[in-house]
C-alpha atoms as a PDB file:
ATOM      1  CA  MET A   1       0.019  -0.357   0.467  1.00  0.00           C
ATOM      2  CA  GLN A   2       1.175   3.757  -0.875  1.00  0.00           C
ATOM      3  CA  ARG A   3       1.079   6.410   1.729  1.00  0.00           C
ATOM      4  CA  ARG A   4       1.347  10.202   0.694  1.00  0.00           C
ATOM      5  CA  HIS A   5       0.832  12.323   3.569  1.00  0.00           C
ATOM      6  CA  GLY A   6       0.351   9.952   6.246  1.00  0.00           C
ATOM      7  CA  THR A   7      -3.283   8.225   4.084  1.00  0.00           C
ATOM      8  CA  THR A   8      -3.391   5.488   2.415  1.00  0.00           C
ATOM      9  CA  ALA A   9      -4.239   4.946  -1.491  1.00  0.00           C
ATOM     10  CA  ALA A  10      -7.362   3.789  -1.969  1.00  0.00           C
ATOM     11  CA  ASN A  11      -6.709   1.470  -4.366  1.00  0.00           C
ATOM     12  CA  PRO A  12      -3.124  -1.329  -4.027  1.00  0.00           C
ATOM     13  CA  PRO A  13      -0.727  -0.268  -7.016  1.00  0.00           C
ATOM     14  CA  TRP A  14      -0.154  -2.881  -9.840  1.00  0.00           C
ATOM     15  CA  ARG A  15       2.084  -5.383  -8.872  1.00  0.00           C
ATOM     16  CA  LEU A  16       4.861  -7.303 -11.635  1.00  0.00           C
ATOM     17  CA  PRO A  17       3.685 -10.820 -12.690  1.00  0.00           C
ATOM     18  CA  PRO A  18       4.305 -13.278  -9.981  1.00  0.00           C
ATOM     19  CA  PRO A  19       7.896 -15.297 -10.468  1.00  0.00           C
ATOM     20  CA  LEU A  20       8.026 -18.817 -11.243  1.00  0.00           C
ATOM     21  CA  PHE A  21       7.944 -20.588  -7.926  1.00  0.00           C
ATOM     22  CA  SER A  22       4.810 -18.578  -6.884  1.00  0.00           C
ATOM     23  CA  ALA A  23       1.302 -20.214  -6.066  1.00  0.00           C
ATOM     24  CA  ARG A  24      -0.494 -19.544  -9.205  1.00  0.00           C
ATOM     25  CA  CYS A  25       2.871 -21.246 -11.203  1.00  0.00           C
ATOM     26  CA  LYS A  26       2.877 -23.984  -8.695  1.00  0.00           C
ATOM     27  CA  ALA A  27      -1.206 -24.625  -9.606  1.00  0.00           C
ATOM     28  CA  CYS A  28       0.009 -24.717 -13.542  1.00  0.00           C
ATOM     29  CA  TRP A  29       2.776 -27.140 -12.412  1.00  0.00           C
ATOM     30  CA  TYR A  30       0.027 -29.577 -10.865  1.00  0.00           C
ATOM     31  CA  THR A  31      -1.870 -29.314 -13.835  1.00  0.00           C
ATOM     32  CA  ALA A  32       0.792 -30.628 -16.103  1.00  0.00           C
ATOM     33  CA  ALA A  33       1.659 -33.036 -13.632  1.00  0.00           C
ATOM     34  CA  ALA A  34      -2.115 -34.070 -14.430  1.00  0.00           C
ATOM     35  CA  LEU A  35      -2.103 -33.800 -17.783  1.00  0.00           C
ATOM     36  CA  ALA A  36       1.082 -35.982 -17.656  1.00  0.00           C
ATOM     37  CA  LEU A  37      -0.475 -38.677 -15.514  1.00  0.00           C
ATOM     38  CA  VAL A  38      -3.566 -38.740 -18.484  1.00  0.00           C
ATOM     39  CA  VAL A  39      -1.191 -39.349 -21.038  1.00  0.00           C
ATOM     40  CA  GLY A  40       1.195 -41.758 -18.807  1.00  0.00           C
ATOM     41  CA  SER A  41      -2.268 -43.695 -18.662  1.00  0.00           C
ATOM     42  CA  PHE A  42      -3.334 -43.849 -22.208  1.00  0.00           C
ATOM     43  CA  TRP A  43       0.271 -45.052 -22.751  1.00  0.00           C
ATOM     44  CA  SER A  44       0.622 -48.006 -20.394  1.00  0.00           C
ATOM     45  CA  LEU A  45      -3.045 -49.240 -21.032  1.00  0.00           C
ATOM     46  CA  ASP A  46      -3.909 -51.888 -23.758  1.00  0.00           C
ATOM     47  CA  LEU A  47      -6.222 -50.012 -25.745  1.00  0.00           C
ATOM     48  CA  GLN A  48      -6.863 -51.487 -28.849  1.00  0.00           C
ATOM     49  CA  TRP A  49      -8.460 -48.583 -30.500  1.00  0.00           C
ATOM     50  CA  GLY A  50      -7.837 -49.216 -34.413  1.00  0.00           C
ATOM     51  CA  ALA A  51      -9.850 -53.384 -33.235  1.00  0.00           C
ATOM     52  CA  PHE A  52     -12.830 -50.939 -31.106  1.00  0.00           C
ATOM     53  CA  VAL A  53     -13.844 -49.238 -34.314  1.00  0.00           C
ATOM     54  CA  SER A  54     -12.796 -51.789 -37.243  1.00  0.00           C
ATOM     55  CA  MET A  55     -15.574 -52.823 -39.630  1.00  0.00           C
ATOM     56  CA  ASP A  56     -15.605 -55.952 -38.290  1.00  0.00           C
ATOM     57  CA  ALA A  57     -16.451 -54.727 -34.585  1.00  0.00           C
ATOM     58  CA  LEU A  58     -18.539 -52.316 -35.677  1.00  0.00           C
ATOM     59  CA  ARG A  59     -20.492 -55.138 -37.689  1.00  0.00           C
ATOM     60  CA  ALA A  60     -20.720 -57.256 -34.471  1.00  0.00           C
ATOM     61  CA  MET A  61     -21.536 -54.326 -32.660  1.00  0.00           C
ATOM     62  CA  GLY A  62     -24.900 -53.670 -35.140  1.00  0.00           C
ATOM     63  CA  ARG A  63     -25.937 -57.434 -35.174  1.00  0.00           C
ATOM     64  CA  PHE A  64     -25.893 -56.779 -31.535  1.00  0.00           C
ATOM     65  CA  VAL A  65     -28.096 -53.982 -31.032  1.00  0.00           C
ATOM     66  CA  ALA A  66     -30.753 -55.005 -33.788  1.00  0.00           C
ATOM     67  CA  GLU A  67     -31.442 -58.197 -31.895  1.00  0.00           C
ATOM     68  CA  PHE A  68     -32.992 -55.742 -29.245  1.00  0.00           C
ATOM     69  CA  TYR A  69     -35.560 -54.750 -31.984  1.00  0.00           C
ATOM     70  CA  PRO A  70     -38.304 -55.605 -31.533  1.00  0.00           C
ATOM     71  CA  PRO A  71     -38.792 -54.852 -27.560  1.00  0.00           C
ATOM     72  CA  ASP A  72     -41.668 -57.403 -25.733  1.00  0.00           C
ATOM     73  CA  PHE A  73     -44.412 -55.416 -25.024  1.00  0.00           C
ATOM     74  CA  SER A  74     -47.022 -58.215 -24.016  1.00  0.00           C
ATOM     75  CA  PRO A  75     -49.445 -56.724 -21.328  1.00  0.00           C
ATOM     76  CA  PRO A  76     -48.218 -59.335 -18.705  1.00  0.00           C
ATOM     77  CA  PHE A  77     -44.057 -58.920 -19.374  1.00  0.00           C
ATOM     78  CA  VAL A  78     -44.655 -55.075 -18.858  1.00  0.00           C
ATOM     79  CA  ALA A  79     -46.898 -55.226 -16.017  1.00  0.00           C
ATOM     80  CA  LYS A  80     -43.828 -57.381 -14.090  1.00  0.00           C
ATOM     81  CA  VAL A  81     -41.577 -54.598 -15.633  1.00  0.00           C
ATOM     82  CA  ALA A  82     -43.343 -51.814 -14.671  1.00  0.00           C
ATOM     83  CA  TRP A  83     -43.753 -53.956 -10.944  1.00  0.00           C
ATOM     84  CA  SER A  84     -40.281 -53.927 -10.857  1.00  0.00           C
ATOM     85  CA  ALA A  85     -39.309 -50.211 -11.346  1.00  0.00           C
ATOM     86  CA  VAL A  86     -40.913 -49.203  -8.906  1.00  0.00           C
ATOM     87  CA  GLU A  87     -39.531 -51.700  -6.693  1.00  0.00           C
ATOM     88  CA  THR A  88     -36.458 -49.874  -7.901  1.00  0.00           C
ATOM     89  CA  LEU A  89     -37.573 -46.626  -7.011  1.00  0.00           C
ATOM     90  CA  ALA A  90     -38.891 -47.349  -3.649  1.00  0.00           C
ATOM     91  CA  MET A  91     -35.421 -48.879  -3.050  1.00  0.00           C
ATOM     92  CA  SER A  92     -33.681 -46.152  -4.209  1.00  0.00           C
ATOM     93  CA  ALA A  93     -36.287 -43.313  -2.189  1.00  0.00           C
ATOM     94  CA  LEU A  94     -35.968 -45.318   1.043  1.00  0.00           C
ATOM     95  CA  GLY A  95     -32.154 -45.493   0.871  1.00  0.00           C
ATOM     96  CA  THR A  96     -31.465 -42.328  -0.147  1.00  0.00           C
ATOM     97  CA  LEU A  97     -33.882 -41.249   3.006  1.00  0.00           C
ATOM     98  CA  LEU A  98     -31.951 -43.743   5.410  1.00  0.00           C
ATOM     99  CA  ALA A  99     -28.818 -42.116   4.184  1.00  0.00           C
ATOM    100  CA  ALA A 100     -29.909 -38.604   4.759  1.00  0.00           C
ATOM    101  CA  VAL A 101     -31.281 -39.603   8.418  1.00  0.00           C
ATOM    102  CA  ALA A 102     -27.490 -41.388   8.934  1.00  0.00           C
ATOM    103  CA  GLY A 103     -26.024 -38.478   7.508  1.00  0.00           C
ATOM    104  CA  LEU A 104     -27.023 -36.201   9.320  1.00  0.00           C
ATOM    105  CA  ALA A 105     -26.154 -38.060  12.482  1.00  0.00           C
ATOM    106  CA  LEU A 106     -22.771 -38.437  11.452  1.00  0.00           C
ATOM    107  CA  ALA A 107     -22.162 -35.168  10.246  1.00  0.00           C
ATOM    108  CA  LEU A 108     -22.866 -33.300  13.664  1.00  0.00           C
ATOM    109  CA  PRO A 109     -20.124 -34.987  15.351  1.00  0.00           C
ATOM    110  CA  ALA A 110     -18.114 -35.124  11.850  1.00  0.00           C
ATOM    111  CA  SER A 111     -17.891 -30.894  11.624  1.00  0.00           C
ATOM    112  CA  ARG A 112     -16.008 -27.799  13.775  1.00  0.00           C
ATOM    113  CA  ARG A 113     -19.562 -25.752  13.970  1.00  0.00           C
ATOM    114  CA  HIS A 114     -17.741 -22.580  15.687  1.00  0.00           C
ATOM    115  CA  GLU A 115     -14.033 -21.511  16.997  1.00  0.00           C
ATOM    116  CA  GLY A 116     -14.240 -23.128  20.587  1.00  0.00           C
ATOM    117  CA  ASP A 117     -15.730 -26.167  19.355  1.00  0.00           C
ATOM    118  CA  ALA A 118     -13.570 -28.944  20.898  1.00  0.00           C
ATOM    119  CA  ALA A 119     -14.999 -31.886  18.113  1.00  0.00           C
ATOM    120  CA  ARG A 120     -13.342 -34.731  20.201  1.00  0.00           C
ATOM    121  CA  PHE A 121     -15.067 -37.325  17.829  1.00  0.00           C
ATOM    122  CA  ARG A 122     -14.336 -35.383  14.635  1.00  0.00           C
ATOM    123  CA  SER A 123     -11.427 -37.504  13.095  1.00  0.00           C
ATOM    124  CA  VAL A 124     -12.884 -41.063  14.398  1.00  0.00           C
ATOM    125  CA  ALA A 125     -17.061 -39.321  12.736  1.00  0.00           C
ATOM    126  CA  ARG A 126     -14.560 -38.394   9.368  1.00  0.00           C
ATOM    127  CA  MET A 127     -13.053 -41.860   8.968  1.00  0.00           C
ATOM    128  CA  LEU A 128     -16.233 -43.342   9.583  1.00  0.00           C
ATOM    129  CA  LEU A 129     -17.626 -41.453   6.763  1.00  0.00           C
ATOM    130  CA  ASN A 130     -14.709 -42.403   4.569  1.00  0.00           C
ATOM    131  CA  ALA A 131     -14.982 -46.038   5.548  1.00  0.00           C
ATOM    132  CA  LEU A 132     -18.468 -46.095   4.414  1.00  0.00           C
ATOM    133  CA  ARG A 133     -18.323 -44.257   1.099  1.00  0.00           C
ATOM    134  CA  ALA A 134     -15.060 -45.925   0.278  1.00  0.00           C
ATOM    135  CA  VAL A 135     -17.096 -49.671  -0.596  1.00  0.00           C
ATOM    136  CA  PRO A 136     -19.202 -49.592  -3.145  1.00  0.00           C
ATOM    137  CA  GLU A 137     -22.610 -49.909  -3.605  1.00  0.00           C
ATOM    138  CA  LEU A 138     -21.781 -53.548  -5.682  1.00  0.00           C
ATOM    139  CA  VAL A 139     -19.611 -54.650  -2.789  1.00  0.00           C
ATOM    140  CA  TRP A 140     -22.004 -53.711  -0.264  1.00  0.00           C
ATOM    141  CA  ALA A 141     -24.696 -55.431  -1.844  1.00  0.00           C
ATOM    142  CA  ALA A 142     -22.594 -58.646  -1.993  1.00  0.00           C
ATOM    143  CA  LEU A 143     -21.425 -58.968   1.489  1.00  0.00           C
ATOM    144  CA  LEU A 144     -25.166 -58.365   2.441  1.00  0.00           C
ATOM    145  CA  LEU A 145     -26.638 -60.539   0.326  1.00  0.00           C
ATOM    146  CA  ILE A 146     -25.162 -63.289   2.963  1.00  0.00           C
ATOM    147  CA  ALA A 147     -26.973 -61.859   5.807  1.00  0.00           C
ATOM    148  CA  ALA A 148     -30.108 -60.214   4.409  1.00  0.00           C
ATOM    149  CA  GLY A 149     -30.473 -62.765   1.306  1.00  0.00           C
ATOM    150  CA  LEU A 150     -31.442 -62.185  -2.152  1.00  0.00           C
ATOM    151  CA  GLY A 151     -33.989 -59.085  -2.758  1.00  0.00           C
ATOM    152  CA  PRO A 152     -34.558 -55.784  -2.354  1.00  0.00           C
ATOM    153  CA  PHE A 153     -33.620 -55.465   1.062  1.00  0.00           C
ATOM    154  CA  ALA A 154     -29.683 -55.947   0.666  1.00  0.00           C
ATOM    155  CA  GLY A 155     -29.861 -53.452  -2.148  1.00  0.00           C
ATOM    156  CA  THR A 156     -31.882 -50.670   0.498  1.00  0.00           C
ATOM    157  CA  LEU A 157     -29.362 -51.203   2.674  1.00  0.00           C
ATOM    158  CA  ALA A 158     -26.143 -51.338   0.046  1.00  0.00           C
ATOM    159  CA  LEU A 159     -27.848 -48.110  -1.423  1.00  0.00           C
ATOM    160  CA  ALA A 160     -28.005 -46.945   2.640  1.00  0.00           C
ATOM    161  CA  LEU A 161     -24.690 -47.361   3.683  1.00  0.00           C
ATOM    162  CA  HIS A 162     -22.726 -46.188   0.565  1.00  0.00           C
ATOM    163  CA  THR A 163     -24.565 -42.880   0.166  1.00  0.00           C
ATOM    164  CA  SER A 164     -24.249 -42.454   4.207  1.00  0.00           C
ATOM    165  CA  GLY A 165     -20.700 -42.197   3.868  1.00  0.00           C
ATOM    166  CA  VAL A 166     -21.097 -39.221   0.846  1.00  0.00           C
ATOM    167  CA  LEU A 167     -23.918 -37.649   2.419  1.00  0.00           C
ATOM    168  CA  GLY A 168     -22.488 -37.347   5.759  1.00  0.00           C
ATOM    169  CA  ARG A 169     -19.004 -35.513   4.258  1.00  0.00           C
ATOM    170  CA  LEU A 170     -21.119 -32.940   2.392  1.00  0.00           C
ATOM    171  CA  PHE A 171     -23.405 -32.165   5.610  1.00  0.00           C
ATOM    172  CA  ALA A 172     -20.291 -31.524   7.634  1.00  0.00           C
ATOM    173  CA  GLU A 173     -18.627 -30.006   4.999  1.00  0.00           C
ATOM    174  CA  ALA A 174     -22.038 -27.180   4.864  1.00  0.00           C
ATOM    175  CA  MET A 175     -22.199 -26.935   8.440  1.00  0.00           C
ATOM    176  CA  GLU A 176     -18.349 -25.887   8.761  1.00  0.00           C
ATOM    177  CA  ASN A 177     -18.845 -23.378   7.005  1.00  0.00           C
ATOM    178  CA  ALA A 178     -21.962 -22.108   7.282  1.00  0.00           C
ATOM    179  CA  PRO A 179     -21.927 -18.264   8.298  1.00  0.00           C
ATOM    180  CA  ARG A 180     -21.965 -18.245  11.665  1.00  0.00           C
ATOM    181  CA  ASP A 181     -23.205 -14.789  12.669  1.00  0.00           C
ATOM    182  CA  ALA A 182     -26.412 -16.029  13.965  1.00  0.00           C
ATOM    183  CA  ALA A 183     -24.772 -19.050  16.163  1.00  0.00           C
ATOM    184  CA  THR A 184     -22.448 -16.158  17.593  1.00  0.00           C
ATOM    185  CA  ALA A 185     -25.084 -13.737  18.327  1.00  0.00           C
ATOM    186  CA  LEU A 186     -27.265 -16.267  19.939  1.00  0.00           C
ATOM    187  CA  ARG A 187     -24.145 -18.012  22.057  1.00  0.00           C
ATOM    188  CA  THR A 188     -23.822 -14.261  23.121  1.00  0.00           C
ATOM    189  CA  GLN A 189     -26.886 -14.772  24.638  1.00  0.00           C
ATOM    190  CA  GLY A 190     -26.341 -17.876  26.484  1.00  0.00           C
ATOM    191  CA  VAL A 191     -28.032 -19.819  24.225  1.00  0.00           C
ATOM    192  CA  THR A 192     -25.744 -23.417  23.781  1.00  0.00           C
ATOM    193  CA  GLY A 193     -26.475 -26.800  22.576  1.00  0.00           C
ATOM    194  CA  TRP A 194     -28.225 -28.222  19.783  1.00  0.00           C
ATOM    195  CA  ARG A 195     -30.780 -25.310  20.198  1.00  0.00           C
ATOM    196  CA  VAL A 196     -27.866 -23.144  18.410  1.00  0.00           C
ATOM    197  CA  LEU A 197     -27.868 -25.490  15.814  1.00  0.00           C
ATOM    198  CA  ALA A 198     -31.809 -26.078  15.415  1.00  0.00           C
ATOM    199  CA  TYR A 199     -31.903 -22.058  15.364  1.00  0.00           C
ATOM    200  CA  ALA A 200     -28.470 -21.046  13.320  1.00  0.00           C
ATOM    201  CA  THR A 201     -27.012 -23.578  11.433  1.00  0.00           C
ATOM    202  CA  LEU A 202     -29.350 -25.683  10.296  1.00  0.00           C
ATOM    203  CA  PRO A 203     -31.648 -23.261   8.486  1.00  0.00           C
ATOM    204  CA  GLN A 204     -28.522 -21.343   6.804  1.00  0.00           C
ATOM    205  CA  VAL A 205     -27.836 -24.899   5.510  1.00  0.00           C
ATOM    206  CA  LEU A 206     -31.139 -27.027   4.884  1.00  0.00           C
ATOM    207  CA  PRO A 207     -31.344 -26.075   1.444  1.00  0.00           C
ATOM    208  CA  GLN A 208     -28.020 -27.206   0.903  1.00  0.00           C
ATOM    209  CA  LEU A 209     -28.578 -30.323   2.048  1.00  0.00           C
ATOM    210  CA  LEU A 210     -31.795 -31.362   0.584  1.00  0.00           C
ATOM    211  CA  SER A 211     -29.873 -30.202  -2.745  1.00  0.00           C
ATOM    212  CA  TYR A 212     -26.997 -32.597  -1.889  1.00  0.00           C
ATOM    213  CA  THR A 213     -29.896 -35.433  -1.349  1.00  0.00           C
ATOM    214  CA  LEU A 214     -31.400 -35.090  -4.228  1.00  0.00           C
ATOM    215  CA  TYR A 215     -28.639 -35.398  -5.963  1.00  0.00           C
ATOM    216  CA  ARG A 216     -27.991 -38.377  -4.362  1.00  0.00           C
ATOM    217  CA  TRP A 217     -31.289 -39.787  -5.359  1.00  0.00           C
ATOM    218  CA  GLU A 218     -30.820 -39.579  -8.883  1.00  0.00           C
ATOM    219  CA  ASN A 219     -27.335 -41.473  -8.033  1.00  0.00           C
ATOM    220  CA  ASN A 220     -29.346 -44.214  -6.847  1.00  0.00           C
ATOM    221  CA  ILE A 221     -31.891 -44.482  -8.818  1.00  0.00           C
ATOM    222  CA  ARG A 222     -28.557 -45.155 -11.595  1.00  0.00           C
ATOM    223  CA  ALA A 223     -27.211 -47.322  -8.768  1.00  0.00           C
ATOM    224  CA  ALA A 224     -30.733 -49.242  -8.085  1.00  0.00           C
ATOM    225  CA  ALA A 225     -31.055 -50.290 -11.047  1.00  0.00           C
ATOM    226  CA  VAL A 226     -27.750 -52.431 -11.316  1.00  0.00           C
ATOM    227  CA  LEU A 227     -27.415 -53.460  -8.186  1.00  0.00           C
ATOM    228  CA  GLY A 228     -30.482 -56.130  -9.346  1.00  0.00           C
ATOM    229  CA  VAL A 229     -27.391 -57.766 -11.436  1.00  0.00           C
ATOM    230  CA  VAL A 230     -25.589 -58.988  -7.713  1.00  0.00           C
ATOM    231  CA  GLY A 231     -29.359 -60.075  -6.419  1.00  0.00           C
ATOM    232  CA  ALA A 232     -30.335 -57.210  -4.454  1.00  0.00           C
ATOM    233  CA  GLY A 233     -34.023 -56.557  -6.831  1.00  0.00           C
ATOM    234  CA  GLY A 234     -35.183 -54.451  -9.304  1.00  0.00           C
ATOM    235  CA  LEU A 235     -34.668 -54.129 -12.976  1.00  0.00           C
ATOM    236  CA  GLY A 236     -31.128 -54.829 -12.626  1.00  0.00           C
ATOM    237  CA  GLN A 237     -32.367 -58.120 -11.716  1.00  0.00           C
ATOM    238  CA  LEU A 238     -34.598 -58.553 -14.390  1.00  0.00           C
ATOM    239  CA  LEU A 239     -32.288 -57.490 -16.835  1.00  0.00           C
ATOM    240  CA  ALA A 240     -29.655 -59.841 -15.466  1.00  0.00           C
ATOM    241  CA  PHE A 241     -31.521 -62.558 -15.522  1.00  0.00           C
ATOM    242  CA  HIS A 242     -32.711 -62.123 -19.372  1.00  0.00           C
ATOM    243  CA  MET A 243     -29.736 -61.010 -20.760  1.00  0.00           C
ATOM    244  CA  GLY A 244     -27.948 -64.268 -18.917  1.00  0.00           C
ATOM    245  CA  LEU A 245     -30.774 -66.186 -21.081  1.00  0.00           C
ATOM    246  CA  PHE A 246     -30.226 -64.372 -24.149  1.00  0.00           C
ATOM    247  CA  HIS A 247     -34.258 -62.503 -24.236  1.00  0.00           C
ATOM    248  CA  MET A 248     -32.678 -59.936 -26.095  1.00  0.00           C
ATOM    249  CA  GLY A 249     -36.887 -58.304 -26.861  1.00  0.00           C
ATOM    250  CA  LYS A 250     -37.528 -58.401 -22.822  1.00  0.00           C
ATOM    251  CA  THR A 251     -33.753 -57.193 -22.195  1.00  0.00           C
ATOM    252  CA  ALA A 252     -34.786 -54.109 -24.556  1.00  0.00           C
ATOM    253  CA  THR A 253     -38.269 -53.420 -22.718  1.00  0.00           C
ATOM    254  CA  VAL A 254     -36.281 -53.541 -19.282  1.00  0.00           C
ATOM    255  CA  LEU A 255     -33.871 -50.990 -20.645  1.00  0.00           C
ATOM    256  CA  ILE A 256     -36.358 -48.852 -22.079  1.00  0.00           C
ATOM    257  CA  ALA A 257     -37.945 -48.630 -18.778  1.00  0.00           C
ATOM    258  CA  MET A 258     -34.401 -48.167 -17.020  1.00  0.00           C
ATOM    259  CA  LEU A 259     -34.725 -44.780 -19.807  1.00  0.00           C
ATOM    260  CA  LEU A 260     -37.955 -43.632 -18.524  1.00  0.00           C
ATOM    261  CA  LEU A 261     -37.384 -44.293 -14.778  1.00  0.00           C
ATOM    262  CA  VAL A 262     -34.243 -42.321 -15.023  1.00  0.00           C
ATOM    263  CA  ALA A 263     -35.648 -39.591 -16.717  1.00  0.00           C
ATOM    264  CA  PHE A 264     -38.535 -39.122 -14.414  1.00  0.00           C
ATOM    265  CA  VAL A 265     -36.682 -39.346 -11.261  1.00  0.00           C
ATOM    266  CA  ASP A 266     -34.063 -36.383 -12.916  1.00  0.00           C
ATOM    267  CA  GLY A 267     -37.180 -34.262 -13.812  1.00  0.00           C
ATOM    268  CA  LEU A 268     -38.435 -34.545 -10.381  1.00  0.00           C
ATOM    269  CA  SER A 269     -35.543 -33.866  -9.003  1.00  0.00           C
ATOM    270  CA  PHE A 270     -34.507 -30.598 -10.838  1.00  0.00           C
ATOM    271  CA  ALA A 271     -38.169 -29.364 -10.446  1.00  0.00           C
ATOM    272  CA  MET A 272     -37.979 -29.715  -6.223  1.00  0.00           C
ATOM    273  CA  ARG A 273     -34.769 -28.336  -6.728  1.00  0.00           C
ATOM    274  CA  ARG A 274     -35.828 -25.297  -8.498  1.00  0.00           C
ATOM    275  CA  TRP A 275     -38.868 -25.181  -6.007  1.00  0.00           C
ATOM    276  CA  MET A 276     -36.656 -24.448  -2.957  1.00  0.00           C
ATOM    277  CA  LYS A 277     -34.780 -22.001  -4.530  1.00  0.00           C
END
């Protein structure tokens, strides 16, 4: 800052570009390292692009896609697919709801909400959240099938466990980054404990928490469709069964139902997020 006659200049003077190893150039080096890693990944993998785009491969893919036509729209099978779609939707909705409750419960000890907060269990809670989301839904489902058996119950629990780790971390970050003016004002008046959380922190972050939950519901509807492949019920189980038997017309019907279900949930989630703004 320049000083003239004991006063401070209104604007700082223009500065020269930063030296080579400043923070800005460090970011450039990190970007270059990431690009080098991507290039090295392509070089180390045996990606046979020539065989993939060859005429033989394209003809084989064309024959395979042609086998899906026509889809099986017989009323009994359509009714069966519709029920499986409802089952998949219920799995995703219930799993997301359980994950939101569990994620919020774990986010409270995993966040430090003010300067004087000891947050004694912050490290333990964050390690638990990391462990939950580090295991994919398919692995959770495969483990839970042993205890819960085949069906949607194992898939619902698998979605809930993985999503609890994701939402818990997002919720904790949202509460830590929330404006603290209202909470500080309540503490100066002698208000402590859960009342500060209920009247100051949660009202500020609630729209963000709901947005995170809806976004994860969109992801879970896709994951629920895939979980059926390992026997967790829903459209995925129907898809695995008919594709394994090479019932391509029935497989095409199941795929169409998956696309329609994902489009419905995406549109509903988008409308709900806009309504919350």
